[in-house]
């Protein structure tokens, strides 16, 4: 069907005489030239008469449009809208992700090293993890001092001079892990009755454990350990440690208070327990030697 051209529109063959397109800005003040197109006559009736959109001339035959949908190949999601080079970029991206997300091989040596850095213990029916690396310099704070009496009556030595300095920025973290280490070590060392020898000598004030820490230790000790503790001996007690124990009396049982003993010298301690396996820190020995030298000089000068 031919569509008549409006006035001013040339036929396709007249390319030489085609008018110039109008400018977007009218500099001469003239009105823009409008081109009118005449729409073709379309019969929109629903019958199948000639010229209708439902006419047989405008429809394919049933054989031509009979398509089985199940036989059609549908593209995969990964294959849709692919462009040149996309496959290579996808492969490179997958390789990069695989390299970044791959799990490094965990060797036996690394596993042993990890076990040395962290220890899992059960305290009060709860699983706890101890940072062994951070407490490594302070593990000497607790040691086994042998046995006394008959049977497996253990001597547990607690040297306060090996405690961390309170000026550390991570002091609370260190003390928390050290607390778990001390409690778990007690449970491993003690089989039957035991005693604790608390070496308070050569311990500056900044290394003394706080009231809260000592109270927590007492509360977290297993009932079996509390019951089997026969004596708590404090060697070289200072006025501070005496004050701490006086303040904590309301929080501890009378039975535990009756087990506390004060010892002023190592000679006195030697009369109470066997000292063969009790390790005395060098700092305490040094202080004792200095005191004995001063005392010997005083005796010589005054001929007492």
Foldseek 3Di string as FASTA:
>chain_A
DDWDFFPLDDDPVPPVPRDDDDDPDDPPPDDDDDTDTDDDDADDDPDQDPRHCNHPVNDDDPVVPPDDPVPDDDDDPVPPPDDPPPVVVVVVVVVVCCVVPPDDDQDPVNVVVVCQQWPWDAFPNDIDIARNVLCVQQPVQWDWQAAFDDDLATEIEGELQSADFQPDPCNVVNLVRVLVVVQRVVVVRDDAAYEYEYEPPPHDPRSDDDLVSVLVSVVRRDPRNVVRYQAYEYEQDDVVVVVSCVVCVVVDDPVHVVRYHYHHDVVVVVVVGPRPRPDDDPSRVVVVVVVVVVVVVVCVVVVD
